[in-house]
Amino acid sequence: MNDNSNYHDQLQKKNVEKLRELLASLPSFCKMYFRGMNDTISSRTKIAYAYDLRLFFEFLMKNNSYCQKFEMSELPMSILDKVSREDVEEYLEYLSLYKRDGEEVMNDERGKSRKLASLRSFFNFYFRNELIETNAPALVPMPKIHEKEIIRLEPDEVATLLDQVEAGTNLTKKQMDYHSKTVVRDMAILTLLLGTGIRVSECVGLNINDIDFPNTRLKVRRKGGYEDVVYFGEEVEKALLSYLDERKLIIPFEGHEDAFFLSLQNKRISVRSVEKLVKKYSGLVTNVKKITPHKLRSTFGTNLYNETGDIYLVADVLGHKDVNTTRKHYAAMKDEHKRRAAKAVKLREE
């Protein structure tokens, strides 16, 4: 069995099952919307839409006396025509703070914006197909998004991070016990993420035969399921080869024979485990910045953009299908360069 296809196929299977489970709880007419979705939309994105819609219908069930006559799954499509602009505005206010499963949940402007976008897409589908006469979410303006600073590691922080991983200094005694068993693997993972900018899901999905050492490149499965080739430099090569020497001595758990990165249970390492190890080591370097695997990706993208100034190259290497996604993240750096240039020019000595 090909473990790489098995890994991604199993992930896809779980997503399909999760989506079916969510659809079973939603009003039955929602299935029409999800069937009408573009085939290029990933199952993970569809699940995100389903969660957003479930939250909206839960809000209606709590706050609309008409809806309370039904079970959620039995709500008729005609309910959409009863939703007013005021209902949508109250829903956005509700998102600021609500309780779910006994826990408080808060949404900032980005969370509200995404949920309103989901609602707009949902209502637009039925409105365009002339199945409803009103489209309340279209009347509500999107929340104003304030640009967030791109959090990334500075070059000295990157060097300190890798030094910390290698030496294990400042780790607790318990962490040091694990460190002795995982240091080579952890160095390989962090060097790979910092040196190539691949996503953590692409990292954990790597198989041994996906890495082509003679040509210093590796094959990854991108978001959307397509395969791509990523090249790596000497530092990444050295870290990967060091781990490969260790990996050859490990007997993997059945079904995980092809996985490159293994957990201490000798199974394919999980996304959550990589997130935890990044948090553990980065916390030793900076307690100001909240560093995640995605921030390591931003660090790579920033370094590449600083070196080349080529936004199209950065988009291609990071696997962004739309260069505007990349430009949105890195255009602020160009402005900062311009700002620095303006300050550097002195017309008169003070």
C-alpha atoms as a PDB file:
ATOM      1  CA  MET A   1       0.000   0.000   0.000  1.00  0.00           C
ATOM      2  CA  ASN A   2       1.295   3.477  -0.871  1.00  0.00           C
ATOM      3  CA  ASP A   3       1.383   5.213   2.517  1.00  0.00           C
ATOM      4  CA  ASN A   4       1.493   8.703   1.010  1.00  0.00           C
ATOM      5  CA  SER A   5      -1.698   8.222  -0.994  1.00  0.00           C
ATOM      6  CA  ASN A   6      -3.081   6.322   1.972  1.00  0.00           C
ATOM      7  CA  TYR A   7      -2.335   9.265   4.308  1.00  0.00           C
ATOM      8  CA  HIS A   8      -3.999  11.833   2.050  1.00  0.00           C
ATOM      9  CA  ASP A   9      -6.832   9.490   1.083  1.00  0.00           C
ATOM     10  CA  GLN A  10      -7.548   8.728   4.745  1.00  0.00           C
ATOM     11  CA  LEU A  11      -7.554  12.455   5.490  1.00  0.00           C
ATOM     12  CA  GLN A  12      -9.962  13.048   2.610  1.00  0.00           C
ATOM     13  CA  LYS A  13     -12.175  10.172   3.803  1.00  0.00           C
ATOM     14  CA  LYS A  14     -12.361  11.640   7.323  1.00  0.00           C
ATOM     15  CA  ASN A  15     -13.276  15.039   5.884  1.00  0.00           C
ATOM     16  CA  VAL A  16     -16.039  13.560   3.722  1.00  0.00           C
ATOM     17  CA  GLU A  17     -17.442  11.698   6.731  1.00  0.00           C
ATOM     18  CA  LYS A  18     -17.285  14.845   8.876  1.00  0.00           C
ATOM     19  CA  LEU A  19     -19.070  16.898   6.217  1.00  0.00           C
ATOM     20  CA  ARG A  20     -21.834  14.279   5.977  1.00  0.00           C
ATOM     21  CA  GLU A  21     -22.213  14.345   9.757  1.00  0.00           C
ATOM     22  CA  LEU A  22     -22.530  18.141   9.757  1.00  0.00           C
ATOM     23  CA  LEU A  23     -24.991  18.143   6.837  1.00  0.00           C
ATOM     24  CA  ALA A  24     -27.209  15.681   8.711  1.00  0.00           C
ATOM     25  CA  SER A  25     -27.638  18.275  11.482  1.00  0.00           C
ATOM     26  CA  LEU A  26     -28.307  21.199   9.104  1.00  0.00           C
ATOM     27  CA  PRO A  27     -31.649  21.944   7.383  1.00  0.00           C
ATOM     28  CA  SER A  28     -32.080  19.400   4.600  1.00  0.00           C
ATOM     29  CA  PHE A  29     -32.200  22.075   1.864  1.00  0.00           C
ATOM     30  CA  CYS A  30     -28.543  22.946   2.663  1.00  0.00           C
ATOM     31  CA  LYS A  31     -27.422  19.828   0.806  1.00  0.00           C
ATOM     32  CA  MET A  32     -28.408  21.542  -2.430  1.00  0.00           C
ATOM     33  CA  TYR A  33     -25.944  24.371  -1.694  1.00  0.00           C
ATOM     34  CA  PHE A  34     -23.046  22.012  -0.987  1.00  0.00           C
ATOM     35  CA  ARG A  35     -23.802  19.948  -4.113  1.00  0.00           C
ATOM     36  CA  GLY A  36     -23.679  23.179  -6.108  1.00  0.00           C
ATOM     37  CA  MET A  37     -20.247  24.115  -4.767  1.00  0.00           C
ATOM     38  CA  ASN A  38     -17.344  24.259  -7.172  1.00  0.00           C
ATOM     39  CA  ASP A  39     -15.403  20.963  -7.295  1.00  0.00           C
ATOM     40  CA  THR A  40     -12.163  22.876  -6.716  1.00  0.00           C
ATOM     41  CA  ILE A  41     -13.269  23.834  -3.183  1.00  0.00           C
ATOM     42  CA  SER A  42     -11.502  21.516  -0.746  1.00  0.00           C
ATOM     43  CA  SER A  43     -13.377  19.295   1.698  1.00  0.00           C
ATOM     44  CA  ARG A  44     -11.774  21.204   4.600  1.00  0.00           C
ATOM     45  CA  THR A  45     -13.197  24.487   3.270  1.00  0.00           C
ATOM     46  CA  LYS A  46     -16.636  22.893   2.871  1.00  0.00           C
ATOM     47  CA  ILE A  47     -16.458  21.732   6.490  1.00  0.00           C
ATOM     48  CA  ALA A  48     -15.617  25.303   7.576  1.00  0.00           C
ATOM     49  CA  TYR A  49     -18.691  26.568   5.674  1.00  0.00           C
ATOM     50  CA  ALA A  50     -20.857  23.876   7.296  1.00  0.00           C
ATOM     51  CA  TYR A  51     -19.683  24.860  10.794  1.00  0.00           C
ATOM     52  CA  ASP A  52     -20.404  28.530  10.047  1.00  0.00           C
ATOM     53  CA  LEU A  53     -23.895  27.743   8.777  1.00  0.00           C
ATOM     54  CA  ARG A  54     -24.653  25.520  11.758  1.00  0.00           C
ATOM     55  CA  LEU A  55     -23.706  28.365  14.084  1.00  0.00           C
ATOM     56  CA  PHE A  56     -26.049  30.724  12.208  1.00  0.00           C
ATOM     57  CA  PHE A  57     -28.972  28.319  12.384  1.00  0.00           C
ATOM     58  CA  GLU A  58     -28.280  27.689  16.088  1.00  0.00           C
ATOM     59  CA  PHE A  59     -28.520  31.466  16.587  1.00  0.00           C
ATOM     60  CA  LEU A  60     -31.855  31.550  14.737  1.00  0.00           C
ATOM     61  CA  MET A  61     -33.192  28.623  16.778  1.00  0.00           C
ATOM     62  CA  LYS A  62     -32.397  30.486  20.015  1.00  0.00           C
ATOM     63  CA  ASN A  63     -33.614  33.917  18.987  1.00  0.00           C
ATOM     64  CA  ASN A  64     -36.466  33.421  16.515  1.00  0.00           C
ATOM     65  CA  SER A  65     -39.789  32.122  17.869  1.00  0.00           C
ATOM     66  CA  TYR A  66     -40.852  30.882  14.421  1.00  0.00           C
ATOM     67  CA  CYS A  67     -37.725  28.698  14.115  1.00  0.00           C
ATOM     68  CA  GLN A  68     -38.316  27.190  17.538  1.00  0.00           C
ATOM     69  CA  LYS A  69     -41.319  25.313  16.135  1.00  0.00           C
ATOM     70  CA  PHE A  70     -38.904  23.067  14.180  1.00  0.00           C
ATOM     71  CA  GLU A  71     -35.930  20.814  14.689  1.00  0.00           C
ATOM     72  CA  MET A  72     -32.951  22.375  12.911  1.00  0.00           C
ATOM     73  CA  SER A  73     -32.805  19.647  10.282  1.00  0.00           C
ATOM     74  CA  GLU A  74     -36.510  20.232   9.501  1.00  0.00           C
ATOM     75  CA  LEU A  75     -36.319  23.999   8.930  1.00  0.00           C
ATOM     76  CA  PRO A  76     -37.913  24.822   5.535  1.00  0.00           C
ATOM     77  CA  MET A  77     -36.127  26.811   2.844  1.00  0.00           C
ATOM     78  CA  SER A  78     -38.772  29.533   3.263  1.00  0.00           C
ATOM     79  CA  ILE A  79     -37.052  30.485   6.534  1.00  0.00           C
ATOM     80  CA  LEU A  80     -34.385  32.264   4.479  1.00  0.00           C
ATOM     81  CA  ASP A  81     -36.973  34.760   3.239  1.00  0.00           C
ATOM     82  CA  LYS A  82     -37.886  35.536   6.843  1.00  0.00           C
ATOM     83  CA  VAL A  83     -34.305  36.488   7.753  1.00  0.00           C
ATOM     84  CA  SER A  84     -33.979  40.277   7.905  1.00  0.00           C
ATOM     85  CA  ARG A  85     -31.003  42.616   7.779  1.00  0.00           C
ATOM     86  CA  GLU A  86     -31.518  43.187  11.500  1.00  0.00           C
ATOM     87  CA  ASP A  87     -31.286  39.426  12.141  1.00  0.00           C
ATOM     88  CA  VAL A  88     -27.896  39.298  10.396  1.00  0.00           C
ATOM     89  CA  GLU A  89     -26.621  42.357  12.279  1.00  0.00           C
ATOM     90  CA  GLU A  90     -27.728  40.796  15.597  1.00  0.00           C
ATOM     91  CA  TYR A  91     -25.977  37.574  14.581  1.00  0.00           C
ATOM     92  CA  LEU A  92     -22.703  39.458  14.030  1.00  0.00           C
ATOM     93  CA  GLU A  93     -23.096  41.056  17.453  1.00  0.00           C
ATOM     94  CA  TYR A  94     -23.803  37.608  18.938  1.00  0.00           C
ATOM     95  CA  LEU A  95     -20.514  36.372  17.460  1.00  0.00           C
ATOM     96  CA  SER A  96     -18.585  38.853  19.631  1.00  0.00           C
ATOM     97  CA  LEU A  97     -19.197  36.580  22.614  1.00  0.00           C
ATOM     98  CA  TYR A  98     -21.282  33.429  22.962  1.00  0.00           C
ATOM     99  CA  LYS A  99     -21.183  30.125  24.805  1.00  0.00           C
ATOM    100  CA  ARG A 100     -20.774  26.727  23.164  1.00  0.00           C
ATOM    101  CA  ASP A 101     -20.453  23.456  25.090  1.00  0.00           C
ATOM    102  CA  GLY A 102     -20.022  25.450  28.295  1.00  0.00           C
ATOM    103  CA  GLU A 103     -17.114  27.503  26.948  1.00  0.00           C
ATOM    104  CA  GLU A 104     -17.014  31.148  25.961  1.00  0.00           C
ATOM    105  CA  VAL A 105     -16.212  31.828  22.302  1.00  0.00           C
ATOM    106  CA  MET A 106     -15.167  35.209  20.913  1.00  0.00           C
ATOM    107  CA  ASN A 107     -14.821  36.372  17.312  1.00  0.00           C
ATOM    108  CA  ASP A 108     -12.716  39.324  16.203  1.00  0.00           C
ATOM    109  CA  GLU A 109     -13.344  41.289  13.008  1.00  0.00           C
ATOM    110  CA  ARG A 110     -11.699  38.556  10.914  1.00  0.00           C
ATOM    111  CA  GLY A 111     -13.853  35.801  12.414  1.00  0.00           C
ATOM    112  CA  LYS A 112     -17.006  37.856  11.841  1.00  0.00           C
ATOM    113  CA  SER A 113     -15.936  38.709   8.304  1.00  0.00           C
ATOM    114  CA  ARG A 114     -15.398  35.055   7.401  1.00  0.00           C
ATOM    115  CA  LYS A 115     -18.754  34.015   8.873  1.00  0.00           C
ATOM    116  CA  LEU A 116     -20.588  36.802   7.065  1.00  0.00           C
ATOM    117  CA  ALA A 117     -18.837  35.780   3.820  1.00  0.00           C
ATOM    118  CA  SER A 118     -20.086  32.199   4.372  1.00  0.00           C
ATOM    119  CA  LEU A 119     -23.612  33.498   4.934  1.00  0.00           C
ATOM    120  CA  ARG A 120     -23.485  35.708   1.835  1.00  0.00           C
ATOM    121  CA  SER A 121     -22.317  32.811  -0.322  1.00  0.00           C
ATOM    122  CA  PHE A 122     -25.095  30.610   1.078  1.00  0.00           C
ATOM    123  CA  PHE A 123     -27.915  33.118   0.522  1.00  0.00           C
ATOM    124  CA  ASN A 124     -26.533  34.162  -2.902  1.00  0.00           C
ATOM    125  CA  PHE A 125     -26.814  30.561  -4.122  1.00  0.00           C
ATOM    126  CA  TYR A 126     -30.554  30.377  -3.403  1.00  0.00           C
ATOM    127  CA  PHE A 127     -31.181  33.959  -4.550  1.00  0.00           C
ATOM    128  CA  ARG A 128     -29.375  33.451  -7.890  1.00  0.00           C
ATOM    129  CA  ASN A 129     -31.315  30.259  -8.460  1.00  0.00           C
ATOM    130  CA  GLU A 130     -34.590  32.162  -7.764  1.00  0.00           C
ATOM    131  CA  LEU A 131     -35.441  29.908  -4.843  1.00  0.00           C
ATOM    132  CA  ILE A 132     -35.766  32.854  -2.427  1.00  0.00           C
ATOM    133  CA  GLU A 133     -36.884  36.458  -2.928  1.00  0.00           C
ATOM    134  CA  THR A 134     -34.786  38.269  -0.328  1.00  0.00           C
ATOM    135  CA  ASN A 135     -31.065  38.288   0.400  1.00  0.00           C
ATOM    136  CA  ALA A 136     -30.536  39.900   3.818  1.00  0.00           C
ATOM    137  CA  PRO A 137     -26.766  39.183   4.231  1.00  0.00           C
ATOM    138  CA  ALA A 138     -26.049  41.117   0.998  1.00  0.00           C
ATOM    139  CA  LEU A 139     -27.426  44.251   2.704  1.00  0.00           C
ATOM    140  CA  VAL A 140     -24.977  44.042   5.619  1.00  0.00           C
ATOM    141  CA  PRO A 141     -21.519  45.575   5.004  1.00  0.00           C
ATOM    142  CA  MET A 142     -18.469  43.439   5.707  1.00  0.00           C
ATOM    143  CA  PRO A 143     -16.659  44.300   8.963  1.00  0.00           C
ATOM    144  CA  LYS A 144     -13.664  46.592   8.464  1.00  0.00           C
ATOM    145  CA  ILE A 145     -10.488  44.536   8.692  1.00  0.00           C
ATOM    146  CA  HIS A 146      -7.460  46.194  10.223  1.00  0.00           C
ATOM    147  CA  GLU A 147      -4.237  44.927   8.712  1.00  0.00           C
ATOM    148  CA  LYS A 148      -2.316  42.678  11.063  1.00  0.00           C
ATOM    149  CA  GLU A 149       1.433  42.843  11.297  1.00  0.00           C
ATOM    150  CA  ILE A 150       3.132  39.822   9.736  1.00  0.00           C
ATOM    151  CA  ILE A 151       4.691  37.968  12.646  1.00  0.00           C
ATOM    152  CA  ARG A 152       7.950  36.316  11.712  1.00  0.00           C
ATOM    153  CA  LEU A 153      11.325  35.501  13.178  1.00  0.00           C
ATOM    154  CA  GLU A 154      14.213  37.879  12.586  1.00  0.00           C
ATOM    155  CA  PRO A 155      17.448  36.299  11.243  1.00  0.00           C
ATOM    156  CA  ASP A 156      19.083  36.330  14.684  1.00  0.00           C
ATOM    157  CA  GLU A 157      15.979  34.688  16.181  1.00  0.00           C
ATOM    158  CA  VAL A 158      16.107  31.934  13.539  1.00  0.00           C
ATOM    159  CA  ALA A 159      19.755  31.211  14.388  1.00  0.00           C
ATOM    160  CA  THR A 160      18.989  31.255  18.135  1.00  0.00           C
ATOM    161  CA  LEU A 161      15.996  28.955  17.626  1.00  0.00           C
ATOM    162  CA  LEU A 162      18.059  26.329  15.796  1.00  0.00           C
ATOM    163  CA  ASP A 163      20.845  26.643  18.392  1.00  0.00           C
ATOM    164  CA  GLN A 164      18.285  26.066  21.160  1.00  0.00           C
ATOM    165  CA  VAL A 165      16.860  23.009  19.407  1.00  0.00           C
ATOM    166  CA  GLU A 166      20.333  21.561  18.946  1.00  0.00           C
ATOM    167  CA  ALA A 167      21.532  22.239  22.506  1.00  0.00           C
ATOM    168  CA  GLY A 168      18.271  21.836  24.395  1.00  0.00           C
ATOM    169  CA  THR A 169      19.235  24.610  26.803  1.00  0.00           C
ATOM    170  CA  ASN A 170      16.472  26.056  28.994  1.00  0.00           C
ATOM    171  CA  LEU A 171      14.318  22.934  28.603  1.00  0.00           C
ATOM    172  CA  THR A 172      12.817  21.382  31.717  1.00  0.00           C
ATOM    173  CA  LYS A 173      14.208  18.078  32.976  1.00  0.00           C
ATOM    174  CA  LYS A 174      11.194  16.214  31.576  1.00  0.00           C
ATOM    175  CA  GLN A 175      11.565  17.973  28.217  1.00  0.00           C
ATOM    176  CA  MET A 176      15.277  17.098  28.165  1.00  0.00           C
ATOM    177  CA  ASP A 177      14.409  13.391  28.503  1.00  0.00           C
ATOM    178  CA  TYR A 178      12.345  13.628  25.296  1.00  0.00           C
ATOM    179  CA  HIS A 179      14.855  15.963  23.658  1.00  0.00           C
ATOM    180  CA  SER A 180      17.591  13.340  23.652  1.00  0.00           C
ATOM    181  CA  LYS A 181      15.301  11.054  21.627  1.00  0.00           C
ATOM    182  CA  THR A 182      13.892  13.651  19.235  1.00  0.00           C
ATOM    183  CA  VAL A 183      16.583  16.313  18.727  1.00  0.00           C
ATOM    184  CA  VAL A 184      17.722  15.094  15.281  1.00  0.00           C
ATOM    185  CA  ARG A 185      14.122  14.768  14.057  1.00  0.00           C
ATOM    186  CA  ASP A 186      13.108  18.136  15.516  1.00  0.00           C
ATOM    187  CA  MET A 187      16.107  19.850  13.907  1.00  0.00           C
ATOM    188  CA  ALA A 188      15.157  18.315  10.558  1.00  0.00           C
ATOM    189  CA  ILE A 189      11.514  19.441  10.854  1.00  0.00           C
ATOM    190  CA  LEU A 190      12.299  23.022  11.880  1.00  0.00           C
ATOM    191  CA  THR A 191      15.111  23.400   9.331  1.00  0.00           C
ATOM    192  CA  LEU A 192      12.796  22.060   6.621  1.00  0.00           C
ATOM    193  CA  LEU A 193       9.934  24.435   7.543  1.00  0.00           C
ATOM    194  CA  LEU A 194      12.247  27.443   7.782  1.00  0.00           C
ATOM    195  CA  GLY A 195      14.248  26.516   4.682  1.00  0.00           C
ATOM    196  CA  THR A 196      11.420  25.716   2.272  1.00  0.00           C
ATOM    197  CA  GLY A 197       8.275  27.419   3.605  1.00  0.00           C
ATOM    198  CA  ILE A 198       6.168  24.269   3.158  1.00  0.00           C
ATOM    199  CA  ARG A 199       2.980  23.944   5.187  1.00  0.00           C
ATOM    200  CA  VAL A 200       2.976  21.741   8.280  1.00  0.00           C
ATOM    201  CA  SER A 201       0.424  19.429   6.592  1.00  0.00           C
ATOM    202  CA  GLU A 202       2.831  19.035   3.655  1.00  0.00           C
ATOM    203  CA  CYS A 203       5.669  18.305   6.072  1.00  0.00           C
ATOM    204  CA  VAL A 204       3.865  15.530   7.967  1.00  0.00           C
ATOM    205  CA  GLY A 205       2.608  14.037   4.686  1.00  0.00           C
ATOM    206  CA  LEU A 206       6.145  13.490   3.377  1.00  0.00           C
ATOM    207  CA  ASN A 207       7.237   9.967   2.500  1.00  0.00           C
ATOM    208  CA  ILE A 208      10.835   8.724   2.325  1.00  0.00           C
ATOM    209  CA  ASN A 209      10.628   8.380  -1.453  1.00  0.00           C
ATOM    210  CA  ASP A 210       9.242  11.905  -1.816  1.00  0.00           C
ATOM    211  CA  ILE A 211      12.716  13.286  -1.064  1.00  0.00           C
ATOM    212  CA  ASP A 212      15.089  13.347  -4.022  1.00  0.00           C
ATOM    213  CA  PHE A 213      18.505  14.002  -2.434  1.00  0.00           C
ATOM    214  CA  PRO A 214      20.596  13.898  -5.663  1.00  0.00           C
ATOM    215  CA  ASN A 215      18.508  16.784  -7.063  1.00  0.00           C
ATOM    216  CA  THR A 216      17.866  18.439  -3.657  1.00  0.00           C
ATOM    217  CA  ARG A 217      14.114  18.530  -4.097  1.00  0.00           C
ATOM    218  CA  LEU A 218      11.009  17.009  -2.569  1.00  0.00           C
ATOM    219  CA  LYS A 219       7.476  16.254  -3.702  1.00  0.00           C
ATOM    220  CA  VAL A 220       4.589  17.663  -1.652  1.00  0.00           C
ATOM    221  CA  ARG A 221       0.815  17.455  -1.841  1.00  0.00           C
ATOM    222  CA  ARG A 222      -0.485  21.041  -1.814  1.00  0.00           C
ATOM    223  CA  LYS A 223      -3.823  22.373  -0.589  1.00  0.00           C
ATOM    224  CA  GLY A 224      -6.374  21.290  -3.164  1.00  0.00           C
ATOM    225  CA  GLY A 225      -4.667  17.922  -3.643  1.00  0.00           C
ATOM    226  CA  TYR A 226      -2.221  18.722  -6.470  1.00  0.00           C
ATOM    227  CA  GLU A 227       1.426  17.655  -6.340  1.00  0.00           C
ATOM    228  CA  ASP A 228       4.277  20.146  -6.457  1.00  0.00           C
ATOM    229  CA  VAL A 229       8.084  20.060  -6.371  1.00  0.00           C
ATOM    230  CA  VAL A 230      10.002  22.104  -3.782  1.00  0.00           C
ATOM    231  CA  TYR A 231      13.793  22.584  -3.843  1.00  0.00           C
ATOM    232  CA  PHE A 232      15.951  22.836  -0.729  1.00  0.00           C
ATOM    233  CA  GLY A 233      19.426  24.135   0.140  1.00  0.00           C
ATOM    234  CA  GLU A 234      22.477  22.659   1.853  1.00  0.00           C
ATOM    235  CA  GLU A 235      21.350  23.307   5.433  1.00  0.00           C
ATOM    236  CA  VAL A 236      18.041  21.533   4.843  1.00  0.00           C
ATOM    237  CA  GLU A 237      19.807  18.686   3.032  1.00  0.00           C
ATOM    238  CA  LYS A 238      22.233  18.177   5.920  1.00  0.00           C
ATOM    239  CA  ALA A 239      19.418  18.148   8.525  1.00  0.00           C
ATOM    240  CA  LEU A 240      17.279  15.722   6.487  1.00  0.00           C
ATOM    241  CA  LEU A 241      20.189  13.334   5.863  1.00  0.00           C
ATOM    242  CA  SER A 242      21.080  13.324   9.585  1.00  0.00           C
ATOM    243  CA  TYR A 243      17.517  12.328  10.427  1.00  0.00           C
ATOM    244  CA  LEU A 244      17.383   9.772   7.594  1.00  0.00           C
ATOM    245  CA  ASP A 245      20.373   7.943   9.143  1.00  0.00           C
ATOM    246  CA  GLU A 246      18.396   7.715  12.377  1.00  0.00           C
ATOM    247  CA  ARG A 247      15.117   6.922  10.597  1.00  0.00           C
ATOM    248  CA  LYS A 248      16.638   3.846   8.915  1.00  0.00           C
ATOM    249  CA  LEU A 249      17.186   2.259  12.343  1.00  0.00           C
ATOM    250  CA  ILE A 250      13.530   2.687  13.407  1.00  0.00           C
ATOM    251  CA  ILE A 251      10.985  -0.076  12.859  1.00  0.00           C
ATOM    252  CA  PRO A 252       7.775   1.823  11.975  1.00  0.00           C
ATOM    253  CA  PHE A 253       4.317   0.888  13.195  1.00  0.00           C
ATOM    254  CA  GLU A 254       2.346  -1.133  10.641  1.00  0.00           C
ATOM    255  CA  GLY A 255       0.908   1.116   7.927  1.00  0.00           C
ATOM    256  CA  HIS A 256       3.482   3.851   8.574  1.00  0.00           C
ATOM    257  CA  GLU A 257       6.465   2.258   6.831  1.00  0.00           C
ATOM    258  CA  ASP A 258       6.791   4.952   4.158  1.00  0.00           C
ATOM    259  CA  ALA A 259       6.346   8.012   6.413  1.00  0.00           C
ATOM    260  CA  PHE A 260       9.482  10.137   6.667  1.00  0.00           C
ATOM    261  CA  PHE A 261       8.867  11.845  10.010  1.00  0.00           C
ATOM    262  CA  LEU A 262       7.841   9.495  12.810  1.00  0.00           C
ATOM    263  CA  SER A 263       6.518  10.116  16.311  1.00  0.00           C
ATOM    264  CA  LEU A 264       7.946   8.407  19.406  1.00  0.00           C
ATOM    265  CA  GLN A 265       5.229   5.787  18.839  1.00  0.00           C
ATOM    266  CA  ASN A 266       6.878   5.109  15.451  1.00  0.00           C
ATOM    267  CA  LYS A 267       3.790   6.364  13.608  1.00  0.00           C
ATOM    268  CA  ARG A 268       3.606   9.206  11.098  1.00  0.00           C
ATOM    269  CA  ILE A 269       3.985  12.410  13.110  1.00  0.00           C
ATOM    270  CA  SER A 270       0.801  14.495  13.365  1.00  0.00           C
ATOM    271  CA  VAL A 271       0.171  18.155  12.564  1.00  0.00           C
ATOM    272  CA  ARG A 272      -0.638  18.743  16.251  1.00  0.00           C
ATOM    273  CA  SER A 273       2.707  17.274  17.345  1.00  0.00           C
ATOM    274  CA  VAL A 274       4.624  19.588  15.000  1.00  0.00           C
ATOM    275  CA  GLU A 275       2.623  22.575  16.257  1.00  0.00           C
ATOM    276  CA  LYS A 276       3.503  21.640  19.842  1.00  0.00           C
ATOM    277  CA  LEU A 277       7.221  21.233  19.176  1.00  0.00           C
ATOM    278  CA  VAL A 278       7.361  24.585  17.356  1.00  0.00           C
ATOM    279  CA  LYS A 279       5.614  26.231  20.313  1.00  0.00           C
ATOM    280  CA  LYS A 280       7.977  24.533  22.797  1.00  0.00           C
ATOM    281  CA  TYR A 281      11.201  25.615  21.112  1.00  0.00           C
ATOM    282  CA  SER A 282      10.094  29.081  19.973  1.00  0.00           C
ATOM    283  CA  GLY A 283       8.993  29.868  23.524  1.00  0.00           C
ATOM    284  CA  LEU A 284      12.652  29.535  24.542  1.00  0.00           C
ATOM    285  CA  VAL A 285      13.677  32.167  22.005  1.00  0.00           C
ATOM    286  CA  THR A 286      10.935  34.776  22.224  1.00  0.00           C
ATOM    287  CA  ASN A 287       8.101  35.206  24.701  1.00  0.00           C
ATOM    288  CA  VAL A 288       6.833  38.242  22.803  1.00  0.00           C
ATOM    289  CA  LYS A 289       5.945  36.625  19.483  1.00  0.00           C
ATOM    290  CA  LYS A 290       3.490  33.754  19.248  1.00  0.00           C
ATOM    291  CA  ILE A 291       5.303  31.508  16.781  1.00  0.00           C
ATOM    292  CA  THR A 292       3.432  28.741  14.934  1.00  0.00           C
ATOM    293  CA  PRO A 293       4.457  26.559  11.960  1.00  0.00           C
ATOM    294  CA  HIS A 294       2.642  29.055   9.725  1.00  0.00           C
ATOM    295  CA  LYS A 295       4.800  31.869  11.149  1.00  0.00           C
ATOM    296  CA  LEU A 296       7.873  29.852  10.104  1.00  0.00           C
ATOM    297  CA  ARG A 297       6.349  29.810   6.608  1.00  0.00           C
ATOM    298  CA  SER A 298       5.959  33.602   6.822  1.00  0.00           C
ATOM    299  CA  THR A 299       9.608  33.840   7.910  1.00  0.00           C
ATOM    300  CA  PHE A 300      10.708  31.923   4.816  1.00  0.00           C
ATOM    301  CA  GLY A 301       8.439  33.986   2.535  1.00  0.00           C
ATOM    302  CA  THR A 302       9.767  37.224   4.030  1.00  0.00           C
ATOM    303  CA  ASN A 303      13.391  36.178   3.608  1.00  0.00           C
ATOM    304  CA  LEU A 304      12.779  35.085   0.015  1.00  0.00           C
ATOM    305  CA  TYR A 305      10.988  38.344  -0.825  1.00  0.00           C
ATOM    306  CA  ASN A 306      13.745  40.409   0.797  1.00  0.00           C
ATOM    307  CA  GLU A 307      16.373  38.559  -1.231  1.00  0.00           C
ATOM    308  CA  THR A 308      14.593  38.606  -4.600  1.00  0.00           C
ATOM    309  CA  GLY A 309      11.890  41.297  -4.495  1.00  0.00           C
ATOM    310  CA  ASP A 310       9.944  38.935  -6.794  1.00  0.00           C
ATOM    311  CA  ILE A 311       6.381  38.448  -5.492  1.00  0.00           C
ATOM    312  CA  TYR A 312       5.591  35.964  -8.301  1.00  0.00           C
ATOM    313  CA  LEU A 313       8.535  33.768  -7.318  1.00  0.00           C
ATOM    314  CA  VAL A 314       7.443  33.864  -3.654  1.00  0.00           C
ATOM    315  CA  ALA A 315       3.882  32.905  -4.670  1.00  0.00           C
ATOM    316  CA  ASP A 316       5.155  30.005  -6.785  1.00  0.00           C
ATOM    317  CA  VAL A 317       7.516  28.637  -4.123  1.00  0.00           C
ATOM    318  CA  LEU A 318       4.883  28.909  -1.364  1.00  0.00           C
ATOM    319  CA  GLY A 319       2.302  27.170  -3.549  1.00  0.00           C
ATOM    320  CA  HIS A 320      -0.147  30.097  -3.661  1.00  0.00           C
ATOM    321  CA  LYS A 321      -2.510  29.660  -6.612  1.00  0.00           C
ATOM    322  CA  ASP A 322      -3.335  33.380  -6.588  1.00  0.00           C
ATOM    323  CA  VAL A 323      -0.470  35.871  -6.427  1.00  0.00           C
ATOM    324  CA  ASN A 324      -2.838  38.337  -4.732  1.00  0.00           C
ATOM    325  CA  THR A 325      -2.787  36.082  -1.668  1.00  0.00           C
ATOM    326  CA  THR A 326       0.978  36.532  -1.534  1.00  0.00           C
ATOM    327  CA  ARG A 327       0.861  40.230  -2.343  1.00  0.00           C
ATOM    328  CA  LYS A 328      -1.636  40.820   0.473  1.00  0.00           C
ATOM    329  CA  HIS A 329       0.824  39.319   2.959  1.00  0.00           C
ATOM    330  CA  TYR A 330       4.064  40.828   1.719  1.00  0.00           C
ATOM    331  CA  ALA A 331       3.129  44.144   0.106  1.00  0.00           C
ATOM    332  CA  ALA A 332       3.450  45.853   3.506  1.00  0.00           C
ATOM    333  CA  MET A 333       7.161  45.008   3.452  1.00  0.00           C
ATOM    334  CA  LYS A 334       7.568  46.928   0.210  1.00  0.00           C
ATOM    335  CA  ASP A 335       5.949  49.962   1.847  1.00  0.00           C
ATOM    336  CA  GLU A 336       8.318  49.613   4.787  1.00  0.00           C
ATOM    337  CA  HIS A 337      11.297  49.615   2.399  1.00  0.00           C
ATOM    338  CA  LYS A 338       9.955  52.798   0.781  1.00  0.00           C
ATOM    339  CA  ARG A 339       9.444  54.371   4.217  1.00  0.00           C
ATOM    340  CA  ARG A 340      13.027  53.576   5.197  1.00  0.00           C
ATOM    341  CA  ALA A 341      14.289  55.036   1.908  1.00  0.00           C
ATOM    342  CA  ALA A 342      12.398  58.293   2.545  1.00  0.00           C
ATOM    343  CA  LYS A 343      13.920  58.616   6.016  1.00  0.00           C
ATOM    344  CA  ALA A 344      17.408  57.877   4.702  1.00  0.00           C
ATOM    345  CA  VAL A 345      17.470  60.972   2.484  1.00  0.00           C
ATOM    346  CA  LYS A 346      18.477  64.138   4.374  1.00  0.00           C
ATOM    347  CA  LEU A 347      18.033  67.441   2.564  1.00  0.00           C
ATOM    348  CA  ARG A 348      19.781  69.539   5.201  1.00  0.00           C
ATOM    349  CA  GLU A 349      22.038  68.742   8.091  1.00  0.00           C
ATOM    350  CA  GLU A 350      20.345  69.443  11.416  1.00  0.00           C
END
